[in-house]
Amino acid sequence: MTDKTCKWYHCCPINFFVKKGLLEKEWVDNYCLIGNKDCVRYHLEESRKYHPDNMLPNGEIREDLR
C-alpha cells in the first residue's frame, strides 16, 4: 500500500472480486492503488450515492460479477 491507495480500497467490492479471481488485477492496479480520481465508484461513494457492487471503476456494470 502507498499513500495513493484509495481510502475505500479495503472495503471495495472490486478488491474482493480481484482477490477471488473473478476480475483482472489491472482494475486494482490502475484505479485503487494509484489514487485514480477518475474512478466512478470513488465519486459515488464520496457523494454517498448508491452504486451496485458489480460496477467497475469506469462505471461499467458487469452482470457476471456477483
N, C-alpha and C. Protein backbone atom coordinates (compact mmCIF):
# COMPACT_ATOMS: atom_id res chain seq x y z
N MET A 1 0.83 -1.18 0.00
CA MET A 1 0.00 0.00 0.00
C MET A 1 0.88 1.26 0.00
N THR A 2 0.38 2.26 -0.65
CA THR A 2 1.08 3.54 -0.67
C THR A 2 0.13 4.61 -0.17
N ASP A 3 0.63 5.81 -0.06
CA ASP A 3 -0.23 6.91 0.37
C ASP A 3 -1.23 7.28 -0.72
N LYS A 4 -1.08 6.72 -1.92
CA LYS A 4 -2.02 6.97 -3.01
C LYS A 4 -3.14 5.93 -3.06
N THR A 5 -3.09 4.92 -2.21
CA THR A 5 -4.12 3.89 -2.20
C THR A 5 -5.46 4.52 -1.82
N CYS A 6 -6.47 4.19 -2.58
CA CYS A 6 -7.81 4.70 -2.32
C CYS A 6 -8.24 4.37 -0.90
N LYS A 7 -8.88 5.33 -0.26
CA LYS A 7 -9.32 5.10 1.12
C LYS A 7 -10.41 4.05 1.22
N TRP A 8 -11.06 3.74 0.12
CA TRP A 8 -12.13 2.73 0.11
C TRP A 8 -11.62 1.35 -0.30
N TYR A 9 -10.34 1.24 -0.58
CA TYR A 9 -9.74 0.01 -1.11
C TYR A 9 -10.11 -1.24 -0.30
N HIS A 10 -9.99 -1.19 1.00
CA HIS A 10 -10.17 -2.40 1.82
C HIS A 10 -11.61 -2.88 1.89
N CYS A 11 -12.57 -2.02 1.63
CA CYS A 11 -13.97 -2.44 1.68
C CYS A 11 -14.63 -2.44 0.30
N CYS A 12 -13.88 -2.15 -0.73
CA CYS A 12 -14.42 -2.06 -2.09
C CYS A 12 -14.63 -3.46 -2.68
N PRO A 13 -15.79 -3.70 -3.28
CA PRO A 13 -16.04 -5.00 -3.91
C PRO A 13 -15.06 -5.31 -5.05
N ILE A 14 -14.51 -4.29 -5.68
CA ILE A 14 -13.54 -4.53 -6.76
C ILE A 14 -12.35 -5.30 -6.20
N ASN A 15 -11.86 -4.89 -5.07
CA ASN A 15 -10.76 -5.59 -4.40
C ASN A 15 -11.16 -7.04 -4.11
N PHE A 16 -12.35 -7.25 -3.60
CA PHE A 16 -12.87 -8.59 -3.33
C PHE A 16 -12.90 -9.44 -4.60
N PHE A 17 -13.44 -8.89 -5.68
CA PHE A 17 -13.55 -9.64 -6.93
C PHE A 17 -12.17 -10.02 -7.48
N VAL A 18 -11.21 -9.13 -7.35
CA VAL A 18 -9.85 -9.43 -7.81
C VAL A 18 -9.24 -10.54 -6.96
N LYS A 19 -9.37 -10.45 -5.65
CA LYS A 19 -8.81 -11.47 -4.76
C LYS A 19 -9.44 -12.84 -4.99
N LYS A 20 -10.70 -12.88 -5.40
CA LYS A 20 -11.39 -14.14 -5.69
C LYS A 20 -11.11 -14.64 -7.10
N GLY A 21 -10.35 -13.88 -7.90
CA GLY A 21 -10.03 -14.29 -9.25
C GLY A 21 -11.16 -14.08 -10.24
N LEU A 22 -12.14 -13.26 -9.88
CA LEU A 22 -13.28 -13.01 -10.75
C LEU A 22 -13.09 -11.79 -11.64
N LEU A 23 -12.05 -11.02 -11.37
CA LEU A 23 -11.79 -9.79 -12.10
C LEU A 23 -10.28 -9.62 -12.25
N GLU A 24 -9.86 -9.01 -13.34
CA GLU A 24 -8.45 -8.83 -13.63
C GLU A 24 -7.80 -7.86 -12.63
N LYS A 25 -6.58 -8.16 -12.23
CA LYS A 25 -5.82 -7.36 -11.26
C LYS A 25 -5.57 -5.94 -11.76
N GLU A 26 -5.61 -5.74 -13.06
CA GLU A 26 -5.36 -4.42 -13.63
C GLU A 26 -6.33 -3.37 -13.11
N TRP A 27 -7.55 -3.78 -12.74
CA TRP A 27 -8.52 -2.82 -12.21
C TRP A 27 -7.99 -2.21 -10.92
N VAL A 28 -7.46 -3.03 -10.04
CA VAL A 28 -6.90 -2.54 -8.77
C VAL A 28 -5.64 -1.72 -9.04
N ASP A 29 -4.79 -2.24 -9.91
CA ASP A 29 -3.53 -1.55 -10.22
C ASP A 29 -3.77 -0.17 -10.84
N ASN A 30 -4.76 -0.07 -11.71
CA ASN A 30 -4.98 1.16 -12.47
C ASN A 30 -5.94 2.15 -11.82
N TYR A 31 -6.59 1.73 -10.77
CA TYR A 31 -7.51 2.63 -10.08
C TYR A 31 -7.21 2.72 -8.59
N CYS A 32 -7.31 1.60 -7.90
CA CYS A 32 -7.27 1.59 -6.43
C CYS A 32 -5.93 1.97 -5.83
N LEU A 33 -4.86 1.49 -6.41
CA LEU A 33 -3.54 1.64 -5.79
C LEU A 33 -2.80 2.90 -6.20
N ILE A 34 -3.34 3.66 -7.16
CA ILE A 34 -2.63 4.86 -7.61
C ILE A 34 -3.44 6.14 -7.37
N GLY A 35 -4.51 6.02 -6.59
CA GLY A 35 -5.31 7.20 -6.29
C GLY A 35 -5.98 7.79 -7.51
N ASN A 36 -6.42 6.95 -8.41
CA ASN A 36 -7.05 7.40 -9.66
C ASN A 36 -8.40 8.03 -9.36
N LYS A 37 -8.45 9.34 -9.45
CA LYS A 37 -9.67 10.08 -9.14
C LYS A 37 -10.70 10.02 -10.27
N ASP A 38 -10.41 9.27 -11.34
CA ASP A 38 -11.39 9.06 -12.40
C ASP A 38 -12.31 7.89 -12.07
N CYS A 39 -12.12 7.27 -10.93
CA CYS A 39 -12.93 6.12 -10.54
C CYS A 39 -14.37 6.56 -10.25
N VAL A 40 -15.30 6.04 -11.02
CA VAL A 40 -16.72 6.36 -10.84
C VAL A 40 -17.19 5.90 -9.47
N ARG A 41 -16.76 4.73 -9.06
CA ARG A 41 -17.15 4.21 -7.74
C ARG A 41 -16.70 5.15 -6.63
N TYR A 42 -15.49 5.66 -6.73
CA TYR A 42 -14.97 6.58 -5.72
C TYR A 42 -15.87 7.81 -5.59
N HIS A 43 -16.21 8.41 -6.71
CA HIS A 43 -17.03 9.62 -6.69
C HIS A 43 -18.43 9.35 -6.15
N LEU A 44 -19.00 8.22 -6.51
CA LEU A 44 -20.32 7.88 -5.98
C LEU A 44 -20.25 7.63 -4.47
N GLU A 45 -19.22 6.96 -4.04
CA GLU A 45 -19.06 6.70 -2.60
C GLU A 45 -18.88 8.02 -1.84
N GLU A 46 -18.07 8.89 -2.37
CA GLU A 46 -17.83 10.18 -1.72
C GLU A 46 -19.09 11.02 -1.62
N SER A 47 -19.97 10.91 -2.60
CA SER A 47 -21.22 11.68 -2.59
C SER A 47 -22.37 10.89 -1.97
N ARG A 48 -22.02 9.72 -1.43
CA ARG A 48 -22.99 8.85 -0.75
C ARG A 48 -24.17 8.47 -1.64
N LYS A 49 -23.87 8.23 -2.89
CA LYS A 49 -24.89 7.80 -3.84
C LYS A 49 -24.78 6.30 -4.07
N TYR A 50 -25.92 5.67 -4.23
CA TYR A 50 -25.96 4.22 -4.45
C TYR A 50 -25.20 3.85 -5.71
N HIS A 51 -24.49 2.73 -5.63
CA HIS A 51 -23.87 2.11 -6.80
C HIS A 51 -23.76 0.62 -6.51
N PRO A 52 -24.07 -0.21 -7.50
CA PRO A 52 -24.06 -1.66 -7.27
C PRO A 52 -22.64 -2.19 -7.10
N ASP A 53 -22.54 -3.28 -6.38
CA ASP A 53 -21.24 -3.91 -6.15
C ASP A 53 -20.56 -4.32 -7.45
N ASN A 54 -21.34 -4.65 -8.46
CA ASN A 54 -20.76 -5.13 -9.72
C ASN A 54 -20.47 -4.00 -10.71
N MET A 55 -20.40 -2.77 -10.22
CA MET A 55 -19.99 -1.64 -11.06
C MET A 55 -18.47 -1.53 -11.03
N LEU A 56 -17.87 -1.48 -12.21
CA LEU A 56 -16.42 -1.34 -12.31
C LEU A 56 -16.02 0.11 -12.09
N PRO A 57 -14.75 0.38 -11.85
CA PRO A 57 -14.29 1.75 -11.64
C PRO A 57 -14.60 2.70 -12.80
N ASN A 58 -14.76 2.17 -14.01
CA ASN A 58 -15.08 3.02 -15.16
C ASN A 58 -16.59 3.23 -15.32
N GLY A 59 -17.39 2.67 -14.43
CA GLY A 59 -18.84 2.85 -14.47
C GLY A 59 -19.59 1.72 -15.14
N GLU A 60 -18.86 0.83 -15.80
CA GLU A 60 -19.49 -0.32 -16.47
C GLU A 60 -20.07 -1.28 -15.43
N ILE A 61 -21.25 -1.81 -15.72
CA ILE A 61 -21.88 -2.81 -14.85
C ILE A 61 -21.58 -4.19 -15.44
N ARG A 62 -21.02 -5.06 -14.64
CA ARG A 62 -20.71 -6.43 -15.08
C ARG A 62 -21.71 -7.38 -14.43
N GLU A 63 -22.64 -7.87 -15.22
CA GLU A 63 -23.68 -8.78 -14.71
C GLU A 63 -23.11 -10.10 -14.21
N ASP A 64 -21.93 -10.48 -14.70
CA ASP A 64 -21.32 -11.75 -14.29
C ASP A 64 -20.66 -11.69 -12.91
N LEU A 65 -20.53 -10.50 -12.34
CA LEU A 65 -19.91 -10.35 -11.02
C LEU A 65 -21.00 -10.31 -9.97
N ARG A 66 -21.01 -11.30 -9.13
CA ARG A 66 -22.00 -11.37 -8.03
C ARG A 66 -21.36 -11.95 -6.81
